[in-house]
Amino acid sequence: MQKIKKINKHILLVILIIFFSIKIDFFKSFYNIFSKNYDERIRIVYDFCFEEGIGYLRYIKKKFNIKDNPKIINYVHVPNNNWAIINTNTINKKSDKIIFLNYPGPEEKIELDKIKNNLYEFKDVEFYKNRYSKIKEIEIISKSLIQENFTIEIFTVDKSLNKKAVQKINLLKSTNVPINLSFEKINLSEKKLFFKLDNINGNFKLNLLLINKYFLNQYKIIDKFKNCYFVK
């Protein structure tokens, strides 16, 4: 009887191991390790062009036998991915080539984070400043028509909570507001950028239309895959 119980325990253990192995995709991972080469495994883990773009970087490095260090401009905020292409032997050698990852086109629309009431924050503004030249316009989205005059106040706040006005716009029943605010005119070092709607009530969403710093027609495209580009 004890022997039977012992056997049953072993069977149950085996079943549990198989079950959890399937749940954590063990067999698929095991297969990938031994059936695919390193570059293919990198593509599976990091995708090819999306987000980190590790697969595309390694593909470019191998295909074009890159010996210098092209500038990488990724429009998705992810950890530094230079390790996938950098040449440590020529780490200071400049390149006239650029790799764009997740290129959005000449313009991109982003939604501001609502903090409270009619106050909105442009999160991660330093990241966007390095990729876009200016804020072209503000789009105000509301379920009801705007039937009153109101004001948009744009300001920065530093770590000491000092507020500095950037721009103030008085509007009349408008939902698309051209502002053409250049990032170069705003000192954003260790500061946050806010947008506040005054003299208006309601539940709103605010979008910003950003203009890209880089236009593909200014470069020679050496290679392209979806929205990843290798240019000169």
Protein backbone atom coordinates (compact mmCIF):
# COMPACT_ATOMS: atom_id res chain seq x y z
CA MET A 1 0.00 0.00 0.00
CA GLN A 2 2.81 2.39 0.90
CA LYS A 3 4.56 1.46 -2.35
CA ILE A 4 1.43 2.38 -4.33
CA LYS A 5 1.17 5.69 -2.52
CA LYS A 6 4.83 6.39 -3.28
CA ILE A 7 4.28 5.65 -6.97
CA ASN A 8 1.21 7.89 -7.03
CA LYS A 9 3.24 10.72 -5.52
CA HIS A 10 5.86 10.34 -8.25
CA ILE A 11 3.18 10.35 -10.94
CA LEU A 12 1.62 13.47 -9.44
CA LEU A 13 5.03 15.17 -9.32
CA VAL A 14 5.67 14.35 -12.99
CA ILE A 15 2.25 15.72 -13.95
CA LEU A 16 2.91 18.94 -12.03
CA ILE A 17 6.32 19.37 -13.66
CA ILE A 18 4.81 18.90 -17.13
CA PHE A 19 1.96 21.29 -16.32
CA PHE A 20 4.19 24.10 -15.09
CA SER A 21 6.67 23.53 -17.90
CA ILE A 22 3.89 24.13 -20.39
CA LYS A 23 2.68 27.17 -18.45
CA ILE A 24 6.09 28.84 -18.56
CA ASP A 25 6.61 27.88 -22.19
CA PHE A 26 9.64 25.79 -21.21
CA PHE A 27 9.57 23.40 -24.16
CA LYS A 28 9.22 26.20 -26.70
CA SER A 29 12.12 28.09 -25.14
CA PHE A 30 14.20 24.91 -25.02
CA TYR A 31 13.44 24.27 -28.70
CA ASN A 32 14.34 27.85 -29.65
CA ILE A 33 17.71 27.64 -27.92
CA PHE A 34 18.82 24.54 -29.82
CA SER A 35 17.03 25.01 -33.16
CA LYS A 36 17.74 28.71 -33.86
CA ASN A 37 20.95 30.69 -34.14
CA TYR A 38 21.81 33.65 -31.90
CA ASP A 39 20.41 36.35 -34.20
CA GLU A 40 17.10 34.49 -34.57
CA ARG A 41 16.80 34.12 -30.80
CA ILE A 42 17.49 37.85 -30.36
CA ARG A 43 14.66 38.62 -32.80
CA ILE A 44 12.27 36.40 -30.86
CA VAL A 45 13.11 38.03 -27.52
CA TYR A 46 13.31 41.66 -28.67
CA ASP A 47 11.20 41.54 -31.84
CA PHE A 48 12.91 42.74 -35.01
CA CYS A 49 12.04 46.40 -35.46
CA PHE A 50 9.47 47.19 -32.76
CA GLU A 51 10.46 48.96 -29.52
CA GLU A 52 14.15 48.13 -28.83
CA GLY A 53 14.75 47.15 -32.46
CA ILE A 54 17.63 44.87 -31.44
CA GLY A 55 17.01 42.48 -34.32
CA TYR A 56 17.14 45.30 -36.87
CA LEU A 57 20.31 46.77 -35.36
CA ARG A 58 22.13 43.44 -35.53
CA TYR A 59 20.82 42.85 -39.04
CA ILE A 60 22.17 46.25 -40.19
CA LYS A 61 25.51 45.67 -38.51
CA LYS A 62 25.94 42.30 -40.21
CA LYS A 63 24.57 43.20 -43.66
CA PHE A 64 26.60 46.40 -44.10
CA ASN A 65 29.64 45.30 -42.10
CA ILE A 66 29.46 48.45 -40.00
CA LYS A 67 32.81 49.47 -38.52
CA ASP A 68 31.87 52.86 -37.08
CA ASN A 69 29.02 53.79 -34.72
CA PRO A 70 25.90 55.21 -36.40
CA LYS A 71 23.66 57.44 -34.34
CA ILE A 72 20.54 55.61 -33.13
CA ILE A 73 17.32 57.60 -32.75
CA ASN A 74 14.52 55.55 -31.25
CA TYR A 75 11.06 57.11 -31.02
CA VAL A 76 10.03 54.65 -28.31
CA HIS A 77 11.45 55.30 -24.84
CA VAL A 78 13.28 52.07 -23.98
CA PRO A 79 16.61 51.23 -22.29
CA ASN A 80 19.77 52.06 -24.21
CA ASN A 81 20.21 49.60 -27.08
CA ASN A 82 23.61 50.74 -28.43
CA TRP A 83 25.16 47.49 -27.22
CA ALA A 84 23.58 45.67 -30.18
CA ILE A 85 25.63 47.56 -32.77
CA ILE A 86 28.45 49.48 -31.08
CA ASN A 87 32.06 48.74 -32.04
CA THR A 88 34.15 49.07 -28.89
CA ASN A 89 37.38 49.13 -30.91
CA THR A 90 36.24 52.30 -32.69
CA ILE A 91 34.02 53.73 -29.98
CA ASN A 92 35.08 57.33 -30.70
CA LYS A 93 34.83 57.03 -34.47
CA LYS A 94 32.05 59.25 -35.77
CA SER A 95 29.63 58.12 -38.43
CA ASP A 96 27.66 60.07 -41.01
CA LYS A 97 24.84 57.51 -40.82
CA ILE A 98 21.71 57.38 -38.65
CA ILE A 99 19.41 54.54 -37.67
CA PHE A 100 15.80 55.52 -37.00
CA LEU A 101 13.74 53.05 -34.97
CA ASN A 102 9.94 53.27 -34.71
CA TYR A 103 9.96 56.36 -36.94
CA PRO A 104 6.48 57.97 -36.63
CA GLY A 105 6.55 60.20 -39.70
CA PRO A 106 6.90 64.00 -39.93
CA GLU A 107 4.30 64.54 -37.18
CA GLU A 108 3.10 62.69 -34.11
CA LYS A 109 0.12 63.23 -31.84
CA ILE A 110 0.44 62.47 -28.14
CA GLU A 111 -2.04 62.68 -25.28
CA LEU A 112 -1.22 64.71 -22.18
CA ASP A 113 -1.62 63.20 -18.72
CA LYS A 114 -4.42 64.76 -16.70
CA ILE A 115 -3.19 65.61 -13.20
CA LYS A 116 -6.30 67.17 -11.68
CA ASN A 117 -9.22 69.36 -12.72
CA ASN A 118 -7.99 71.23 -15.82
CA LEU A 119 -4.27 70.69 -15.24
CA TYR A 120 -2.27 68.47 -17.66
CA GLU A 121 1.37 67.37 -17.75
CA PHE A 122 3.57 66.69 -20.75
CA LYS A 123 5.31 63.58 -19.38
CA ASP A 124 8.84 62.67 -20.47
CA VAL A 125 9.24 66.02 -22.22
CA GLU A 126 13.07 65.80 -22.37
CA PHE A 127 12.80 62.61 -24.39
CA TYR A 128 10.45 64.25 -26.91
CA LYS A 129 12.52 67.42 -27.08
CA ASN A 130 15.46 65.45 -28.48
CA ARG A 131 13.31 64.06 -31.31
CA TYR A 132 10.84 66.81 -32.14
CA SER A 133 11.42 70.47 -32.95
CA LYS A 134 8.19 72.04 -31.74
CA ILE A 135 4.60 71.73 -30.60
CA LYS A 136 2.52 72.71 -33.59
CA GLU A 137 -0.90 72.77 -31.97
CA ILE A 138 -3.05 71.69 -29.04
CA GLU A 139 -6.18 69.67 -29.66
CA ILE A 140 -8.92 69.88 -27.04
CA ILE A 141 -11.30 66.94 -27.05
CA SER A 142 -14.66 67.27 -25.33
CA LYS A 143 -17.95 65.37 -25.50
CA SER A 144 -19.82 68.66 -25.63
CA LEU A 145 -19.32 71.82 -27.68
CA ILE A 146 -17.12 74.52 -26.20
CA GLN A 147 -19.32 77.60 -25.96
CA GLU A 148 -17.24 79.98 -23.90
CA ASN A 149 -14.00 81.93 -23.90
CA PHE A 150 -11.13 80.30 -22.06
CA THR A 151 -7.38 80.46 -21.58
CA ILE A 152 -4.58 77.94 -22.02
CA GLU A 153 -1.66 78.58 -19.72
CA ILE A 154 1.65 76.82 -20.47
CA PHE A 155 4.32 76.83 -17.76
CA THR A 156 7.28 74.92 -16.33
CA VAL A 157 7.94 73.86 -12.74
CA ASP A 158 11.42 73.03 -11.47
CA LYS A 159 12.49 70.76 -8.62
CA SER A 160 12.12 73.60 -6.14
CA LEU A 161 8.52 74.06 -7.33
CA ASN A 162 9.32 77.40 -8.96
CA LYS A 163 6.80 78.16 -11.67
CA LYS A 164 7.73 79.99 -14.87
CA ALA A 165 5.23 81.06 -17.52
CA VAL A 166 6.00 79.97 -21.08
CA GLN A 167 2.95 81.05 -23.04
CA LYS A 168 -0.65 82.13 -22.44
CA ILE A 169 -3.35 81.92 -25.10
CA ASN A 170 -6.85 83.41 -24.95
CA LEU A 171 -9.35 81.49 -27.03
CA LEU A 172 -12.93 81.67 -28.20
CA LYS A 173 -14.84 78.41 -28.66
CA SER A 174 -11.88 76.65 -30.29
CA THR A 175 -10.84 72.99 -30.15
CA ASN A 176 -7.67 73.11 -32.27
CA VAL A 177 -5.20 75.69 -31.08
CA PRO A 178 -2.09 76.50 -33.17
CA ILE A 179 0.78 77.49 -30.88
CA ASN A 180 4.00 76.70 -32.82
CA LEU A 181 6.01 76.50 -29.60
CA SER A 182 9.66 75.61 -30.28
CA PHE A 183 11.34 73.35 -27.75
CA GLU A 184 14.52 75.41 -28.19
CA LYS A 185 12.76 78.38 -26.61
CA ILE A 186 11.95 76.48 -23.43
CA ASN A 187 14.54 75.69 -20.79
CA LEU A 188 13.44 72.17 -19.86
CA SER A 189 16.50 71.03 -17.95
CA GLU A 190 15.18 69.14 -14.90
CA LYS A 191 11.80 70.82 -15.33
CA LYS A 192 8.27 69.65 -15.93
CA LEU A 193 5.96 71.15 -18.55
CA PHE A 194 2.28 71.78 -17.74
CA PHE A 195 -0.81 72.95 -19.59
CA LYS A 196 -3.73 74.47 -17.72
CA LEU A 197 -7.20 75.34 -18.97
CA ASP A 198 -8.66 78.38 -17.20
CA ASN A 199 -12.18 79.84 -17.22
CA ILE A 200 -13.75 76.69 -18.58
CA ASN A 201 -15.52 73.73 -17.04
CA GLY A 202 -15.88 70.20 -18.33
CA ASN A 203 -14.12 66.91 -18.86
CA PHE A 204 -11.45 67.36 -21.53
CA LYS A 205 -8.59 65.46 -23.14
CA LEU A 206 -5.62 67.38 -24.48
CA ASN A 207 -3.49 66.19 -27.38
CA LEU A 208 -0.33 67.79 -28.71
CA LEU A 209 0.72 67.67 -32.35
CA LEU A 210 4.53 67.48 -32.50
CA ILE A 211 6.74 68.22 -35.51
CA ASN A 212 9.63 65.83 -36.07
CA LYS A 213 13.22 67.07 -36.08
CA TYR A 214 14.14 64.58 -38.79
CA PHE A 215 12.54 64.28 -42.23
CA LEU A 216 13.41 61.25 -44.33
CA ASN A 217 13.47 63.24 -47.57
CA GLN A 218 16.58 64.97 -46.22
CA TYR A 219 18.52 61.68 -46.22
CA LYS A 220 19.50 58.89 -48.52
CA ILE A 221 17.73 55.72 -47.37
CA ILE A 222 20.19 52.82 -47.37
CA ASP A 223 17.85 50.24 -45.86
CA LYS A 224 14.25 50.11 -44.64
CA PHE A 225 12.08 47.65 -42.75
CA LYS A 226 8.59 48.81 -41.76
CA ASN A 227 9.22 51.97 -39.71
CA CYS A 228 12.93 51.36 -39.11
CA TYR A 229 15.41 53.10 -41.39
CA PHE A 230 19.15 53.14 -42.01
CA VAL A 231 20.03 56.46 -43.66
CA LYS A 232 22.93 58.66 -44.64
